[in-house]
């Protein structure tokens, strides 16, 4: 009986991870930037003297990550092996995944108040922004020299996983077909 309860808890947690909303929130006025899977994961970018650090929690366990903090060096000795230069890697033909990834995100809220400091460009952006505006998207141009962004994006991990699986299957099938044809 206990195994059934544990399996139900495990599969419900897995279903929440796959089908629960992933929230990306950016607010430049208050310097709030976070990624959130409610109840499971939260990561916040916090401005600090080193530029920023990341604070968050996973299953109610807090953590902090300082990407710009200097690490302690060992005795100054170097190993005999030279480091390999990874250089630039060629990307395979997987750019077909990009439109599906962009479509998987839903804009729940977008407020953009923009000043490009170019009067002509600002004047050209006014009709473009008026066409784009709707109940969730509010974009405006100002001539005051201030800019701000408030963005709330939503997606699901299951959707992203499905896109990657579909892309890899399509890519491998196209690759096999192309190699067998020659």
Protein backbone atom coordinates (compact mmCIF):
# COMPACT_ATOMS: atom_id res chain seq x y z
CA UNK A 1 0.00 0.00 0.00
CA UNK A 2 2.82 2.38 0.85
CA UNK A 3 4.45 1.72 -2.54
CA UNK A 4 1.25 2.75 -4.31
CA UNK A 5 1.13 6.01 -2.35
CA UNK A 6 4.81 6.70 -3.10
CA UNK A 7 4.26 5.98 -6.81
CA UNK A 8 1.24 8.27 -6.91
CA UNK A 9 3.25 11.05 -5.24
CA UNK A 10 6.18 10.49 -7.62
CA UNK A 11 4.04 10.53 -10.77
CA UNK A 12 2.02 13.55 -9.64
CA UNK A 13 5.29 15.42 -8.95
CA UNK A 14 6.60 14.39 -12.37
CA UNK A 15 3.35 15.54 -14.01
CA UNK A 16 3.58 18.91 -12.23
CA UNK A 17 7.18 19.36 -13.38
CA UNK A 18 6.26 18.56 -16.99
CA UNK A 19 2.92 20.34 -17.24
CA UNK A 20 3.17 23.09 -14.61
CA UNK A 21 3.91 26.62 -15.77
CA UNK A 22 7.47 27.89 -16.01
CA UNK A 23 7.42 31.63 -15.35
CA UNK A 24 10.08 34.07 -16.53
CA UNK A 25 9.63 37.52 -15.02
CA UNK A 26 11.73 40.60 -15.87
CA UNK A 27 11.11 44.04 -14.35
CA UNK A 28 13.83 46.58 -15.02
CA UNK A 29 12.36 49.34 -12.82
CA UNK A 30 12.73 47.25 -9.66
CA UNK A 31 15.70 45.14 -10.87
CA UNK A 32 13.68 41.94 -10.49
CA UNK A 33 14.66 39.01 -12.69
CA UNK A 34 13.51 35.50 -11.86
CA UNK A 35 12.73 32.06 -13.27
CA UNK A 36 10.08 30.10 -11.40
CA UNK A 37 8.46 26.66 -11.48
CA UNK A 38 5.96 27.13 -8.62
CA UNK A 39 6.52 24.78 -5.71
CA UNK A 40 9.60 23.16 -7.28
CA UNK A 41 12.22 25.69 -8.32
CA UNK A 42 12.93 29.42 -8.17
CA UNK A 43 16.04 31.33 -9.26
CA UNK A 44 16.50 35.08 -8.90
CA UNK A 45 19.25 37.28 -10.33
CA UNK A 46 20.22 39.85 -7.72
CA UNK A 47 22.44 42.86 -8.57
CA UNK A 48 25.52 43.09 -6.35
CA UNK A 49 28.98 44.62 -6.28
CA UNK A 50 30.37 41.87 -8.56
CA UNK A 51 27.64 42.63 -11.15
CA UNK A 52 25.10 40.03 -9.98
CA UNK A 53 24.63 36.78 -8.09
CA UNK A 54 21.95 34.10 -8.26
CA UNK A 55 19.81 33.14 -5.30
CA UNK A 56 17.06 30.57 -5.24
CA UNK A 57 15.65 27.38 -3.88
CA UNK A 58 14.90 23.86 -5.04
CA UNK A 59 12.21 22.01 -3.05
CA UNK A 60 12.47 24.58 -0.21
CA UNK A 61 16.26 24.19 0.01
CA UNK A 62 17.94 27.59 -0.46
CA UNK A 63 21.12 28.07 -2.48
CA UNK A 64 23.30 30.92 -3.69
CA UNK A 65 25.64 31.06 -6.65
CA UNK A 66 28.25 33.77 -7.18
CA UNK A 67 29.49 33.48 -10.79
CA UNK A 68 32.02 36.34 -10.54
CA UNK A 69 33.53 35.43 -7.18
CA UNK A 70 37.18 34.46 -7.41
CA UNK A 71 37.89 30.87 -6.55
CA UNK A 72 40.79 29.93 -4.35
CA UNK A 73 43.71 28.71 -6.37
CA UNK A 74 45.60 25.63 -5.36
CA UNK A 75 49.31 25.81 -4.53
CA UNK A 76 50.05 27.53 -7.81
CA UNK A 77 51.24 24.31 -9.36
CA UNK A 78 49.99 23.48 -12.79
CA UNK A 79 49.43 20.04 -14.13
CA UNK A 80 51.66 18.74 -16.90
CA UNK A 81 48.79 18.51 -19.34
CA UNK A 82 48.10 21.57 -21.48
CA UNK A 83 44.50 22.68 -21.67
CA UNK A 84 42.71 21.95 -24.89
CA UNK A 85 41.37 24.87 -26.85
CA UNK A 86 37.76 24.10 -27.55
CA UNK A 87 37.38 26.89 -30.08
CA UNK A 88 34.20 27.41 -32.01
CA UNK A 89 32.06 24.40 -32.67
CA UNK A 90 29.98 24.04 -35.77
CA UNK A 91 26.32 23.74 -35.15
CA UNK A 92 24.41 21.12 -36.99
CA UNK A 93 21.32 22.00 -38.97
CA UNK A 94 19.08 22.31 -35.91
CA UNK A 95 17.98 25.90 -36.40
CA UNK A 96 14.55 24.55 -37.41
CA UNK A 97 13.85 24.21 -33.69
CA UNK A 98 13.93 27.99 -33.13
CA UNK A 99 10.43 28.85 -34.47
CA UNK A 100 8.88 26.08 -32.37
CA UNK A 101 10.71 27.29 -29.28
CA UNK A 102 9.55 30.86 -29.83
CA UNK A 103 5.94 29.70 -30.31
CA UNK A 104 6.07 27.66 -27.09
CA UNK A 105 6.42 30.82 -24.95
CA UNK A 106 3.28 32.78 -24.12
CA UNK A 107 3.47 36.47 -23.26
CA UNK A 108 1.23 36.97 -20.28
CA UNK A 109 2.19 40.58 -19.74
CA UNK A 110 4.53 42.99 -21.55
CA UNK A 111 4.95 46.65 -20.67
CA UNK A 112 7.66 48.46 -22.59
CA UNK A 113 8.38 52.15 -22.20
CA UNK A 114 11.21 52.96 -24.61
CA UNK A 115 13.33 55.93 -25.55
CA UNK A 116 15.99 55.20 -28.18
CA UNK A 117 17.46 58.72 -27.86
CA UNK A 118 16.92 59.13 -31.60
CA UNK A 119 13.91 61.35 -32.40
CA UNK A 120 13.45 59.95 -35.89
CA UNK A 121 13.52 56.32 -34.76
CA UNK A 122 11.16 57.13 -31.90
CA UNK A 123 8.76 58.73 -34.38
CA UNK A 124 8.92 55.64 -36.62
CA UNK A 125 8.26 53.32 -33.65
CA UNK A 126 5.05 55.07 -32.54
CA UNK A 127 2.81 53.60 -35.32
CA UNK A 128 4.50 50.19 -35.06
CA UNK A 129 3.88 50.02 -31.32
CA UNK A 130 0.27 51.16 -31.74
CA UNK A 131 -0.33 48.25 -34.13
CA UNK A 132 1.26 45.70 -31.76
CA UNK A 133 -0.56 46.87 -28.59
CA UNK A 134 -3.38 44.74 -27.20
CA UNK A 135 -4.66 43.84 -23.71
CA UNK A 136 -1.48 41.90 -22.74
CA UNK A 137 1.08 43.94 -24.65
CA UNK A 138 1.50 47.64 -23.93
CA UNK A 139 4.38 49.30 -25.73
CA UNK A 140 4.95 53.01 -25.87
CA UNK A 141 7.64 55.42 -26.97
CA UNK A 142 8.65 58.36 -24.83
CA UNK A 143 10.93 61.27 -25.55
CA UNK A 144 12.06 61.68 -21.92
CA UNK A 145 15.23 59.56 -21.91
CA UNK A 146 13.91 56.74 -19.71
CA UNK A 147 13.34 53.12 -20.62
CA UNK A 148 11.68 50.31 -18.69
CA UNK A 149 10.53 46.76 -19.35
CA UNK A 150 8.13 44.52 -17.46
CA UNK A 151 7.82 41.06 -19.03
CA UNK A 152 6.01 37.92 -17.87
CA UNK A 153 6.61 34.85 -20.08
CA UNK A 154 5.09 31.41 -19.53
CA UNK A 155 5.84 28.00 -20.97
CA UNK A 156 5.82 24.36 -19.85
CA UNK A 157 8.78 22.00 -19.52
CA UNK A 158 6.74 19.26 -21.19
CA UNK A 159 6.27 21.47 -24.25
CA UNK A 160 10.00 22.23 -24.45
CA UNK A 161 10.86 18.56 -23.99
CA UNK A 162 8.43 17.59 -26.75
CA UNK A 163 9.97 20.17 -29.12
CA UNK A 164 13.47 18.82 -28.49
CA UNK A 165 12.36 15.20 -28.96
CA UNK A 166 10.46 16.03 -32.15
CA UNK A 167 13.42 18.01 -33.50
CA UNK A 168 15.90 15.22 -32.79
CA UNK A 169 13.65 12.59 -34.39
CA UNK A 170 13.09 14.74 -37.48
CA UNK A 171 16.78 15.60 -37.71
CA UNK A 172 17.89 11.96 -37.43
CA UNK A 173 15.31 10.82 -40.01
CA UNK A 174 16.39 13.52 -42.46
CA UNK A 175 20.05 12.64 -41.86
CA UNK A 176 19.40 8.91 -42.49
CA UNK A 177 17.36 9.65 -45.61
CA UNK A 178 20.05 11.95 -46.96
CA UNK A 179 22.85 9.43 -46.32
CA UNK A 180 20.90 6.51 -47.80
CA UNK A 181 20.07 8.49 -50.94
CA UNK A 182 23.73 9.01 -51.86
